[in-house]
């Protein structure tokens, strides 16, 4: 796999990981419960944030694997990880807006 294809695959995986934890209502990384639908709509924000951070770390391991397969590994500093975390959260922001800002009316009906 050349660098160009691995870059496209990495961007698609990053977009999926950034939006998965917010858009997914019924499952959680920590547990899968069979409780009512009402519980899953109100999945805690901290659970969603922790899922995003776990997916960010997993994405970091995927990027290290792709970088080592493409060629020489380049050490990175703390600033690199801070910037990539902010970009990762920016990629996940549209799903955050969709769930928490546009779906407010449907959440109020379930209460």
PDB file of N, CA and C in Angstrom:
ATOM      1  N   UNK A   1       0.860  -1.179   0.000  1.00  0.00           N
ATOM      2  CA  UNK A   1       0.000   0.000   0.000  1.00  0.00           C
ATOM      3  C   UNK A   1       0.901   1.234   0.000  1.00  0.00           C
ATOM      4  N   UNK A   2       0.655   2.118  -0.931  1.00  0.00           N
ATOM      5  CA  UNK A   2       1.488   3.309  -0.993  1.00  0.00           C
ATOM      6  C   UNK A   2       0.985   4.369  -0.004  1.00  0.00           C
ATOM      7  N   UNK A   3       1.741   5.431   0.112  1.00  0.00           N
ATOM      8  CA  UNK A   3       1.455   6.477   1.101  1.00  0.00           C
ATOM      9  C   UNK A   3       0.143   7.188   0.797  1.00  0.00           C
ATOM     10  N   UNK A   4      -0.152   7.373  -0.465  1.00  0.00           N
ATOM     11  CA  UNK A   4      -1.376   8.088  -0.837  1.00  0.00           C
ATOM     12  C   UNK A   4      -2.628   7.327  -0.401  1.00  0.00           C
ATOM     13  N   UNK A   5      -2.673   6.029  -0.691  1.00  0.00           N
ATOM     14  CA  UNK A   5      -3.828   5.229  -0.302  1.00  0.00           C
ATOM     15  C   UNK A   5      -3.952   5.113   1.209  1.00  0.00           C
ATOM     16  N   UNK A   6      -2.832   4.950   1.898  1.00  0.00           N
ATOM     17  CA  UNK A   6      -2.893   4.848   3.356  1.00  0.00           C
ATOM     18  C   UNK A   6      -3.341   6.165   3.981  1.00  0.00           C
ATOM     19  N   UNK A   7      -3.028   7.280   3.349  1.00  0.00           N
ATOM     20  CA  UNK A   7      -3.499   8.576   3.850  1.00  0.00           C
ATOM     21  C   UNK A   7      -5.007   8.704   3.717  1.00  0.00           C
ATOM     22  N   UNK A   8      -5.547   8.276   2.587  1.00  0.00           N
ATOM     23  CA  UNK A   8      -7.002   8.324   2.401  1.00  0.00           C
ATOM     24  C   UNK A   8      -7.720   7.401   3.386  1.00  0.00           C
ATOM     25  N   UNK A   9      -7.174   6.208   3.576  1.00  0.00           N
ATOM     26  CA  UNK A   9      -7.773   5.275   4.535  1.00  0.00           C
ATOM     27  C   UNK A   9      -7.732   5.854   5.935  1.00  0.00           C
ATOM     28  N   UNK A  10      -6.623   6.484   6.289  1.00  0.00           N
ATOM     29  CA  UNK A  10      -6.490   7.074   7.619  1.00  0.00           C
ATOM     30  C   UNK A  10      -7.505   8.202   7.838  1.00  0.00           C
ATOM     31  N   UNK A  11      -7.726   9.030   6.835  1.00  0.00           N
ATOM     32  CA  UNK A  11      -8.693  10.128   6.965  1.00  0.00           C
ATOM     33  C   UNK A  11     -10.116   9.585   7.129  1.00  0.00           C
ATOM     34  N   UNK A  12     -10.451   8.535   6.398  1.00  0.00           N
ATOM     35  CA  UNK A  12     -11.784   7.930   6.525  1.00  0.00           C
ATOM     36  C   UNK A  12     -11.956   7.311   7.913  1.00  0.00           C
ATOM     37  N   UNK A  13     -10.944   6.614   8.401  1.00  0.00           N
ATOM     38  CA  UNK A  13     -11.017   6.027   9.742  1.00  0.00           C
ATOM     39  C   UNK A  13     -11.121   7.114  10.800  1.00  0.00           C
ATOM     40  N   UNK A  14     -10.387   8.203  10.644  1.00  0.00           N
ATOM     41  CA  UNK A  14     -10.442   9.298  11.618  1.00  0.00           C
ATOM     42  C   UNK A  14     -11.827   9.934  11.647  1.00  0.00           C
ATOM     43  N   UNK A  15     -12.438  10.130  10.489  1.00  0.00           N
ATOM     44  CA  UNK A  15     -13.782  10.696  10.449  1.00  0.00           C
ATOM     45  C   UNK A  15     -14.786   9.761  11.118  1.00  0.00           C
ATOM     46  N   UNK A  16     -14.659   8.459  10.868  1.00  0.00           N
ATOM     47  CA  UNK A  16     -15.556   7.485  11.490  1.00  0.00           C
ATOM     48  C   UNK A  16     -15.381   7.459  13.004  1.00  0.00           C
ATOM     49  N   UNK A  17     -14.135   7.404  13.475  1.00  0.00           N
ATOM     50  CA  UNK A  17     -13.881   7.362  14.915  1.00  0.00           C
ATOM     51  C   UNK A  17     -14.359   8.626  15.618  1.00  0.00           C
ATOM     52  N   UNK A  18     -14.182   9.776  14.990  1.00  0.00           N
ATOM     53  CA  UNK A  18     -14.564  11.036  15.624  1.00  0.00           C
ATOM     54  C   UNK A  18     -16.071  11.163  15.766  1.00  0.00           C
ATOM     55  N   UNK A  19     -16.823  10.588  14.865  1.00  0.00           N
ATOM     56  CA  UNK A  19     -18.276  10.726  14.904  1.00  0.00           C
ATOM     57  C   UNK A  19     -18.993   9.526  15.501  1.00  0.00           C
ATOM     58  N   UNK A  20     -18.323   8.411  15.669  1.00  0.00           N
ATOM     59  CA  UNK A  20     -18.984   7.201  16.137  1.00  0.00           C
ATOM     60  C   UNK A  20     -19.505   7.328  17.556  1.00  0.00           C
ATOM     61  N   UNK A  21     -18.704   7.853  18.460  1.00  0.00           N
ATOM     62  CA  UNK A  21     -19.115   7.878  19.866  1.00  0.00           C
ATOM     63  C   UNK A  21     -20.273   8.839  20.116  1.00  0.00           C
ATOM     64  N   UNK A  22     -20.408   9.864  19.314  1.00  0.00           N
ATOM     65  CA  UNK A  22     -21.511  10.804  19.521  1.00  0.00           C
ATOM     66  C   UNK A  22     -22.775  10.312  18.838  1.00  0.00           C
ATOM     67  N   UNK A  23     -22.662   9.768  17.647  1.00  0.00           N
ATOM     68  CA  UNK A  23     -23.845   9.338  16.916  1.00  0.00           C
ATOM     69  C   UNK A  23     -24.407   8.008  17.408  1.00  0.00           C
ATOM     70  N   UNK A  24     -23.585   7.193  18.050  1.00  0.00           N
ATOM     71  CA  UNK A  24     -24.040   5.901  18.522  1.00  0.00           C
ATOM     72  C   UNK A  24     -24.726   6.070  19.872  1.00  0.00           C
ATOM     73  N   UNK A  25     -26.002   5.721  19.942  1.00  0.00           N
ATOM     74  CA  UNK A  25     -26.773   5.928  21.166  1.00  0.00           C
ATOM     75  C   UNK A  25     -26.855   4.674  22.030  1.00  0.00           C
ATOM     76  N   UNK A  26     -26.802   3.508  21.433  1.00  0.00           N
ATOM     77  CA  UNK A  26     -27.145   2.304  22.166  1.00  0.00           C
ATOM     78  C   UNK A  26     -25.970   1.560  22.765  1.00  0.00           C
ATOM     79  N   UNK A  27     -24.780   1.749  22.270  1.00  0.00           N
ATOM     80  CA  UNK A  27     -23.649   1.017  22.825  1.00  0.00           C
ATOM     81  C   UNK A  27     -22.638   1.983  23.404  1.00  0.00           C
ATOM     82  N   UNK A  28     -21.871   1.460  24.305  1.00  0.00           N
ATOM     83  CA  UNK A  28     -20.817   2.208  24.952  1.00  0.00           C
ATOM     84  C   UNK A  28     -19.593   1.306  24.960  1.00  0.00           C
ATOM     85  N   UNK A  29     -18.425   1.868  24.942  1.00  0.00           N
ATOM     86  CA  UNK A  29     -17.220   1.052  24.976  1.00  0.00           C
ATOM     87  C   UNK A  29     -17.141   0.274  26.283  1.00  0.00           C
ATOM     88  N   UNK A  30     -17.605   0.867  27.345  1.00  0.00           N
ATOM     89  CA  UNK A  30     -17.457   0.267  28.663  1.00  0.00           C
ATOM     90  C   UNK A  30     -18.482  -0.820  28.947  1.00  0.00           C
ATOM     91  N   UNK A  31     -19.676  -0.695  28.429  1.00  0.00           N
ATOM     92  CA  UNK A  31     -20.707  -1.698  28.652  1.00  0.00           C
ATOM     93  C   UNK A  31     -21.754  -1.622  27.549  1.00  0.00           C
ATOM     94  N   UNK A  32     -22.447  -2.736  27.355  1.00  0.00           N
ATOM     95  CA  UNK A  32     -23.596  -2.789  26.454  1.00  0.00           C
ATOM     96  C   UNK A  32     -24.776  -3.213  27.312  1.00  0.00           C
ATOM     97  N   UNK A  33     -25.744  -2.359  27.418  1.00  0.00           N
ATOM     98  CA  UNK A  33     -26.887  -2.621  28.284  1.00  0.00           C
ATOM     99  C   UNK A  33     -28.145  -2.813  27.456  1.00  0.00           C
ATOM    100  N   UNK A  34     -29.111  -3.539  28.023  1.00  0.00           N
ATOM    101  CA  UNK A  34     -30.376  -3.753  27.343  1.00  0.00           C
ATOM    102  C   UNK A  34     -31.494  -2.993  28.045  1.00  0.00           C
ATOM    103  N   UNK A  35     -31.148  -1.871  28.639  1.00  0.00           N
ATOM    104  CA  UNK A  35     -32.158  -1.060  29.317  1.00  0.00           C
ATOM    105  C   UNK A  35     -32.986  -0.302  28.291  1.00  0.00           C
ATOM    106  N   UNK A  36     -33.828   0.568  28.789  1.00  0.00           N
ATOM    107  CA  UNK A  36     -34.763   1.270  27.914  1.00  0.00           C
ATOM    108  C   UNK A  36     -34.052   2.226  26.958  1.00  0.00           C
ATOM    109  N   UNK A  37     -34.764   2.581  25.919  1.00  0.00           N
ATOM    110  CA  UNK A  37     -34.257   3.531  24.920  1.00  0.00           C
ATOM    111  C   UNK A  37     -33.985   4.884  25.559  1.00  0.00           C
ATOM    112  N   UNK A  38     -34.740   5.234  26.569  1.00  0.00           N
ATOM    113  CA  UNK A  38     -34.588   6.533  27.225  1.00  0.00           C
ATOM    114  C   UNK A  38     -33.199   6.682  27.838  1.00  0.00           C
ATOM    115  N   UNK A  39     -32.654   5.611  28.384  1.00  0.00           N
ATOM    116  CA  UNK A  39     -31.326   5.660  28.985  1.00  0.00           C
ATOM    117  C   UNK A  39     -30.266   5.998  27.948  1.00  0.00           C
ATOM    118  N   UNK A  40     -30.394   5.411  26.769  1.00  0.00           N
ATOM    119  CA  UNK A  40     -29.365   5.593  25.755  1.00  0.00           C
ATOM    120  C   UNK A  40     -29.404   6.972  25.122  1.00  0.00           C
ATOM    121  N   UNK A  41     -30.556   7.596  25.080  1.00  0.00           N
ATOM    122  CA  UNK A  41     -30.625   8.954  24.547  1.00  0.00           C
ATOM    123  C   UNK A  41     -29.864   9.909  25.455  1.00  0.00           C
ATOM    124  N   UNK A  42     -29.907   9.629  26.747  1.00  0.00           N
ATOM    125  CA  UNK A  42     -29.247  10.499  27.714  1.00  0.00           C
ATOM    126  C   UNK A  42     -27.902   9.946  28.153  1.00  0.00           C
ATOM    127  N   UNK A  43     -27.223   9.269  27.248  1.00  0.00           N
ATOM    128  CA  UNK A  43     -25.895   8.767  27.565  1.00  0.00           C
ATOM    129  C   UNK A  43     -25.038   9.959  27.990  1.00  0.00           C
ATOM    130  N   UNK A  44     -24.386   9.801  29.085  1.00  0.00           N
ATOM    131  CA  UNK A  44     -23.667  10.926  29.673  1.00  0.00           C
ATOM    132  C   UNK A  44     -22.619  11.500  28.729  1.00  0.00           C
ATOM    133  N   UNK A  45     -22.472  12.805  28.818  1.00  0.00           N
ATOM    134  CA  UNK A  45     -21.489  13.498  27.992  1.00  0.00           C
ATOM    135  C   UNK A  45     -20.082  13.008  28.304  1.00  0.00           C
ATOM    136  N   UNK A  46     -19.817  12.674  29.570  1.00  0.00           N
ATOM    137  CA  UNK A  46     -18.479  12.194  29.929  1.00  0.00           C
ATOM    138  C   UNK A  46     -18.177  10.840  29.297  1.00  0.00           C
ATOM    139  N   UNK A  47     -19.194   9.978  29.168  1.00  0.00           N
ATOM    140  CA  UNK A  47     -18.985   8.717  28.466  1.00  0.00           C
ATOM    141  C   UNK A  47     -18.638   8.971  27.007  1.00  0.00           C
ATOM    142  N   UNK A  48     -19.356   9.895  26.389  1.00  0.00           N
ATOM    143  CA  UNK A  48     -19.087  10.201  24.979  1.00  0.00           C
ATOM    144  C   UNK A  48     -17.691  10.798  24.806  1.00  0.00           C
ATOM    145  N   UNK A  49     -17.308  11.680  25.721  1.00  0.00           N
ATOM    146  CA  UNK A  49     -15.972  12.287  25.646  1.00  0.00           C
ATOM    147  C   UNK A  49     -14.888  11.236  25.873  1.00  0.00           C
ATOM    148  N   UNK A  50     -15.101  10.344  26.837  1.00  0.00           N
ATOM    149  CA  UNK A  50     -14.095   9.305  27.082  1.00  0.00           C
ATOM    150  C   UNK A  50     -13.992   8.355  25.891  1.00  0.00           C
ATOM    151  N   UNK A  51     -15.107   8.056  25.245  1.00  0.00           N
ATOM    152  CA  UNK A  51     -15.056   7.235  24.034  1.00  0.00           C
ATOM    153  C   UNK A  51     -14.253   7.934  22.945  1.00  0.00           C
ATOM    154  N   UNK A  52     -14.476   9.228  22.786  1.00  0.00           N
ATOM    155  CA  UNK A  52     -13.721   9.964  21.768  1.00  0.00           C
ATOM    156  C   UNK A  52     -12.218   9.928  22.065  1.00  0.00           C
ATOM    157  N   UNK A  53     -11.852  10.068  23.328  1.00  0.00           N
ATOM    158  CA  UNK A  53     -10.428  10.041  23.679  1.00  0.00           C
ATOM    159  C   UNK A  53      -9.827   8.654  23.481  1.00  0.00           C
ATOM    160  N   UNK A  54     -10.583   7.609  23.785  1.00  0.00           N
ATOM    161  CA  UNK A  54     -10.100   6.245  23.545  1.00  0.00           C
ATOM    162  C   UNK A  54      -9.924   6.005  22.048  1.00  0.00           C
ATOM    163  N   UNK A  55     -10.872   6.466  21.252  1.00  0.00           N
ATOM    164  CA  UNK A  55     -10.737   6.334  19.802  1.00  0.00           C
ATOM    165  C   UNK A  55      -9.574   7.173  19.267  1.00  0.00           C
ATOM    166  N   UNK A  56      -9.282   8.308  19.905  1.00  0.00           N
ATOM    167  CA  UNK A  56      -8.137   9.124  19.492  1.00  0.00           C
ATOM    168  C   UNK A  56      -6.827   8.361  19.723  1.00  0.00           C
ATOM    169  N   UNK A  57      -6.720   7.697  20.863  1.00  0.00           N
ATOM    170  CA  UNK A  57      -5.518   6.920  21.149  1.00  0.00           C
ATOM    171  C   UNK A  57      -5.403   5.743  20.174  1.00  0.00           C
ATOM    172  N   UNK A  58      -6.518   5.080  19.904  1.00  0.00           N
ATOM    173  CA  UNK A  58      -6.520   3.987  18.933  1.00  0.00           C
ATOM    174  C   UNK A  58      -6.126   4.480  17.540  1.00  0.00           C
ATOM    175  N   UNK A  59      -6.606   5.645  17.179  1.00  0.00           N
ATOM    176  CA  UNK A  59      -6.238   6.244  15.898  1.00  0.00           C
ATOM    177  C   UNK A  59      -4.749   6.579  15.857  1.00  0.00           C
ATOM    178  N   UNK A  60      -4.202   6.989  16.991  1.00  0.00           N
ATOM    179  CA  UNK A  60      -2.761   7.241  17.069  1.00  0.00           C
ATOM    180  C   UNK A  60      -1.946   5.986  16.818  1.00  0.00           C
ATOM    181  N   UNK A  61      -2.395   4.847  17.364  1.00  0.00           N
ATOM    182  CA  UNK A  61      -1.699   3.587  17.112  1.00  0.00           C
ATOM    183  C   UNK A  61      -1.811   3.178  15.644  1.00  0.00           C
ATOM    184  N   UNK A  62      -2.961   3.409  15.048  1.00  0.00           N
ATOM    185  CA  UNK A  62      -3.125   3.108  13.615  1.00  0.00           C
ATOM    186  C   UNK A  62      -2.199   3.979  12.780  1.00  0.00           C
ATOM    187  N   UNK A  63      -2.089   5.256  13.148  1.00  0.00           N
ATOM    188  CA  UNK A  63      -1.207   6.149  12.387  1.00  0.00           C
ATOM    189  C   UNK A  63       0.259   5.749  12.542  1.00  0.00           C
ATOM    190  N   UNK A  64       0.656   5.301  13.734  1.00  0.00           N
ATOM    191  CA  UNK A  64       2.036   4.833  13.910  1.00  0.00           C
ATOM    192  C   UNK A  64       2.309   3.597  13.050  1.00  0.00           C
ATOM    193  N   UNK A  65       1.328   2.694  12.991  1.00  0.00           N
ATOM    194  CA  UNK A  65       1.480   1.505  12.153  1.00  0.00           C
ATOM    195  C   UNK A  65       1.624   1.882  10.680  1.00  0.00           C
ATOM    196  N   UNK A  66       0.767   2.789  10.216  1.00  0.00           N
ATOM    197  CA  UNK A  66       0.845   3.202   8.810  1.00  0.00           C
ATOM    198  C   UNK A  66       2.151   3.940   8.518  1.00  0.00           C
ATOM    199  N   UNK A  67       2.610   4.740   9.484  1.00  0.00           N
ATOM    200  CA  UNK A  67       3.861   5.483   9.266  1.00  0.00           C
ATOM    201  C   UNK A  67       5.059   4.543   9.222  1.00  0.00           C
ATOM    202  N   UNK A  68       5.059   3.535  10.074  1.00  0.00           N
ATOM    203  CA  UNK A  68       6.178   2.589  10.058  1.00  0.00           C
ATOM    204  C   UNK A  68       6.181   1.754   8.784  1.00  0.00           C
ATOM    205  N   UNK A  69       5.006   1.444   8.251  1.00  0.00           N
ATOM    206  CA  UNK A  69       4.952   0.704   6.989  1.00  0.00           C
ATOM    207  C   UNK A  69       5.354   1.561   5.805  1.00  0.00           C
ATOM    208  N   UNK A  70       5.134   2.868   5.890  1.00  0.00           N
ATOM    209  CA  UNK A  70       5.450   3.762   4.770  1.00  0.00           C
ATOM    210  C   UNK A  70       6.940   4.093   4.700  1.00  0.00           C
ATOM    211  N   UNK A  71       7.609   4.052   5.834  1.00  0.00           N
ATOM    212  CA  UNK A  71       9.020   4.422   5.821  1.00  0.00           C
ATOM    213  C   UNK A  71       9.533   4.682   7.216  1.00  0.00           C
ATOM    214  N   UNK A  72      10.339   5.687   7.328  1.00  0.00           N
ATOM    215  CA  UNK A  72      10.997   5.995   8.590  1.00  0.00           C
ATOM    216  C   UNK A  72      10.037   6.662   9.577  1.00  0.00           C
ATOM    217  N   UNK A  73      10.119   6.257  10.825  1.00  0.00           N
ATOM    218  CA  UNK A  73       9.304   6.847  11.884  1.00  0.00           C
ATOM    219  C   UNK A  73       9.965   8.136  12.361  1.00  0.00           C
ATOM    220  N   UNK A  74       9.174   9.204  12.441  1.00  0.00           N
ATOM    221  CA  UNK A  74       9.677  10.502  12.883  1.00  0.00           C
ATOM    222  C   UNK A  74       9.118  10.785  14.277  1.00  0.00           C
ATOM    223  N   UNK A  75       9.994  11.025  15.273  1.00  0.00           N
ATOM    224  CA  UNK A  75       9.485  11.336  16.618  1.00  0.00           C
ATOM    225  C   UNK A  75       8.697  12.652  16.624  1.00  0.00           C
ATOM    226  N   UNK A  76       7.661  12.687  17.454  1.00  0.00           N
ATOM    227  CA  UNK A  76       6.795  13.866  17.513  1.00  0.00           C
ATOM    228  C   UNK A  76       6.830  14.468  18.904  1.00  0.00           C
ATOM    229  N   UNK A  77       6.533  15.764  18.965  1.00  0.00           N
ATOM    230  CA  UNK A  77       6.548  16.466  20.247  1.00  0.00           C
ATOM    231  C   UNK A  77       5.124  16.611  20.784  1.00  0.00           C
ATOM    232  N   UNK A  78       5.015  17.192  21.951  1.00  0.00           N
ATOM    233  CA  UNK A  78       3.724  17.382  22.598  1.00  0.00           C
ATOM    234  C   UNK A  78       2.817  18.293  21.769  1.00  0.00           C
ATOM    235  N   UNK A  79       3.377  19.297  21.116  1.00  0.00           N
ATOM    236  CA  UNK A  79       2.570  20.205  20.306  1.00  0.00           C
ATOM    237  C   UNK A  79       1.865  19.476  19.180  1.00  0.00           C
ATOM    238  N   UNK A  80       2.509  18.484  18.596  1.00  0.00           N
ATOM    239  CA  UNK A  80       1.893  17.703  17.531  1.00  0.00           C
ATOM    240  C   UNK A  80       0.647  16.997  18.033  1.00  0.00           C
ATOM    241  N   UNK A  81       0.728  16.378  19.212  1.00  0.00           N
ATOM    242  CA  UNK A  81      -0.420  15.640  19.750  1.00  0.00           C
ATOM    243  C   UNK A  81      -1.550  16.579  20.169  1.00  0.00           C
ATOM    244  N   UNK A  82      -1.223  17.748  20.655  1.00  0.00           N
ATOM    245  CA  UNK A  82      -2.253  18.725  21.018  1.00  0.00           C
ATOM    246  C   UNK A  82      -2.991  19.202  19.771  1.00  0.00           C
ATOM    247  N   UNK A  83      -2.254  19.505  18.713  1.00  0.00           N
ATOM    248  CA  UNK A  83      -2.879  19.978  17.474  1.00  0.00           C
ATOM    249  C   UNK A  83      -3.730  18.882  16.849  1.00  0.00           C
ATOM    250  N   UNK A  84      -3.248  17.642  16.838  1.00  0.00           N
ATOM    251  CA  UNK A  84      -4.044  16.568  16.259  1.00  0.00           C
ATOM    252  C   UNK A  84      -5.291  16.271  17.090  1.00  0.00           C
ATOM    253  N   UNK A  85      -5.220  16.410  18.409  1.00  0.00           N
ATOM    254  CA  UNK A  85      -6.408  16.225  19.244  1.00  0.00           C
ATOM    255  C   UNK A  85      -7.447  17.298  18.946  1.00  0.00           C
ATOM    256  N   UNK A  86      -7.012  18.529  18.771  1.00  0.00           N
ATOM    257  CA  UNK A  86      -7.949  19.610  18.446  1.00  0.00           C
ATOM    258  C   UNK A  86      -8.563  19.387  17.067  1.00  0.00           C
ATOM    259  N   UNK A  87      -7.768  18.945  16.096  1.00  0.00           N
ATOM    260  CA  UNK A  87      -8.321  18.630  14.779  1.00  0.00           C
ATOM    261  C   UNK A  87      -9.298  17.459  14.848  1.00  0.00           C
ATOM    262  N   UNK A  88      -8.990  16.470  15.673  1.00  0.00           N
ATOM    263  CA  UNK A  88      -9.880  15.320  15.845  1.00  0.00           C
ATOM    264  C   UNK A  88     -11.213  15.755  16.439  1.00  0.00           C
ATOM    265  N   UNK A  89     -11.188  16.629  17.442  1.00  0.00           N
ATOM    266  CA  UNK A  89     -12.426  17.136  18.025  1.00  0.00           C
ATOM    267  C   UNK A  89     -13.189  18.006  17.035  1.00  0.00           C
ATOM    268  N   UNK A  90     -12.480  18.713  16.166  1.00  0.00           N
ATOM    269  CA  UNK A  90     -13.126  19.530  15.141  1.00  0.00           C
ATOM    270  C   UNK A  90     -13.841  18.645  14.112  1.00  0.00           C
ATOM    271  N   UNK A  91     -13.253  17.519  13.777  1.00  0.00           N
ATOM    272  CA  UNK A  91     -13.899  16.593  12.847  1.00  0.00           C
ATOM    273  C   UNK A  91     -15.185  16.043  13.460  1.00  0.00           C
ATOM    274  N   UNK A  92     -15.198  15.814  14.766  1.00  0.00           N
ATOM    275  CA  UNK A  92     -16.373  15.272  15.428  1.00  0.00           C
ATOM    276  C   UNK A  92     -17.417  16.303  15.800  1.00  0.00           C
ATOM    277  N   UNK A  93     -17.154  17.575  15.576  1.00  0.00           N
ATOM    278  CA  UNK A  93     -18.081  18.629  15.984  1.00  0.00           C
ATOM    279  C   UNK A  93     -19.426  18.597  15.247  1.00  0.00           C
ATOM    280  N   UNK A  94     -19.499  18.298  13.945  1.00  0.00           N
ATOM    281  CA  UNK A  94     -20.818  18.262  13.291  1.00  0.00           C
ATOM    282  C   UNK A  94     -21.788  17.259  13.916  1.00  0.00           C
ATOM    283  N   UNK A  95     -21.305  16.106  14.326  1.00  0.00           N
ATOM    284  CA  UNK A  95     -22.206  15.151  14.970  1.00  0.00           C
ATOM    285  C   UNK A  95     -22.613  15.630  16.357  1.00  0.00           C
ATOM    286  N   UNK A  96     -21.729  16.339  17.041  1.00  0.00           N
ATOM    287  CA  UNK A  96     -22.076  16.931  18.339  1.00  0.00           C
ATOM    288  C   UNK A  96     -23.205  17.946  18.170  1.00  0.00           C
ATOM    289  N   UNK A  97     -23.109  18.782  17.144  1.00  0.00           N
ATOM    290  CA  UNK A  97     -24.162  19.763  16.869  1.00  0.00           C
ATOM    291  C   UNK A  97     -25.461  19.059  16.522  1.00  0.00           C
ATOM    292  N   UNK A  98     -25.374  18.001  15.732  1.00  0.00           N
ATOM    293  CA  UNK A  98     -26.570  17.277  15.333  1.00  0.00           C
ATOM    294  C   UNK A  98     -27.289  16.668  16.544  1.00  0.00           C
ATOM    295  N   UNK A  99     -26.558  16.059  17.447  1.00  0.00           N
ATOM    296  CA  UNK A  99     -27.181  15.395  18.586  1.00  0.00           C
ATOM    297  C   UNK A  99     -27.645  16.391  19.637  1.00  0.00           C
ATOM    298  N   UNK A 100     -26.792  17.322  20.025  1.00  0.00           N
ATOM    299  CA  UNK A 100     -27.087  18.151  21.185  1.00  0.00           C
ATOM    300  C   UNK A 100     -27.798  19.457  20.868  1.00  0.00           C
ATOM    301  N   UNK A 101     -27.737  19.932  19.652  1.00  0.00           N
ATOM    302  CA  UNK A 101     -28.364  21.208  19.347  1.00  0.00           C
ATOM    303  C   UNK A 101     -29.616  21.075  18.487  1.00  0.00           C
ATOM    304  N   UNK A 102     -29.640  20.153  17.550  1.00  0.00           N
ATOM    305  CA  UNK A 102     -30.823  20.032  16.694  1.00  0.00           C
ATOM    306  C   UNK A 102     -31.811  18.984  17.180  1.00  0.00           C
ATOM    307  N   UNK A 103     -31.400  18.059  18.004  1.00  0.00           N
ATOM    308  CA  UNK A 103     -32.283  17.013  18.481  1.00  0.00           C
ATOM    309  C   UNK A 103     -32.874  17.329  19.866  1.00  0.00           C
ATOM    310  N   UNK A 104     -32.806  18.556  20.322  1.00  0.00           N
ATOM    311  CA  UNK A 104     -33.307  18.911  21.654  1.00  0.00           C
ATOM    312  C   UNK A 104     -34.794  18.641  21.807  1.00  0.00           C
ATOM    313  N   UNK A 105     -35.578  18.881  20.800  1.00  0.00           N
ATOM    314  CA  UNK A 105     -37.021  18.705  20.886  1.00  0.00           C
ATOM    315  C   UNK A 105     -37.371  17.235  21.096  1.00  0.00           C
ATOM    316  N   UNK A 106     -36.703  16.331  20.405  1.00  0.00           N
ATOM    317  CA  UNK A 106     -37.010  14.913  20.572  1.00  0.00           C
ATOM    318  C   UNK A 106     -36.552  14.395  21.933  1.00  0.00           C
ATOM    319  N   UNK A 107     -35.494  14.966  22.477  1.00  0.00           N
ATOM    320  CA  UNK A 107     -35.041  14.578  23.811  1.00  0.00           C
ATOM    321  C   UNK A 107     -36.026  15.053  24.862  1.00  0.00           C
ATOM    322  N   UNK A 108     -36.583  16.241  24.713  1.00  0.00           N
ATOM    323  CA  UNK A 108     -37.560  16.746  25.665  1.00  0.00           C
ATOM    324  C   UNK A 108     -38.827  15.892  25.678  1.00  0.00           C
ATOM    325  N   UNK A 109     -39.200  15.331  24.548  1.00  0.00           N
ATOM    326  CA  UNK A 109     -40.396  14.489  24.467  1.00  0.00           C
ATOM    327  C   UNK A 109     -40.212  13.197  25.254  1.00  0.00           C
ATOM    328  N   UNK A 110     -38.984  12.671  25.305  1.00  0.00           N
ATOM    329  CA  UNK A 110     -38.748  11.422  26.023  1.00  0.00           C
ATOM    330  C   UNK A 110     -38.763  11.606  27.532  1.00  0.00           C
ATOM    331  N   UNK A 111     -38.515  12.794  27.999  1.00  0.00           N
ATOM    332  CA  UNK A 111     -38.512  13.033  29.445  1.00  0.00           C
ATOM    333  C   UNK A 111     -39.905  13.003  29.917  1.00  0.00           C
TER     334      UNK A 111
END
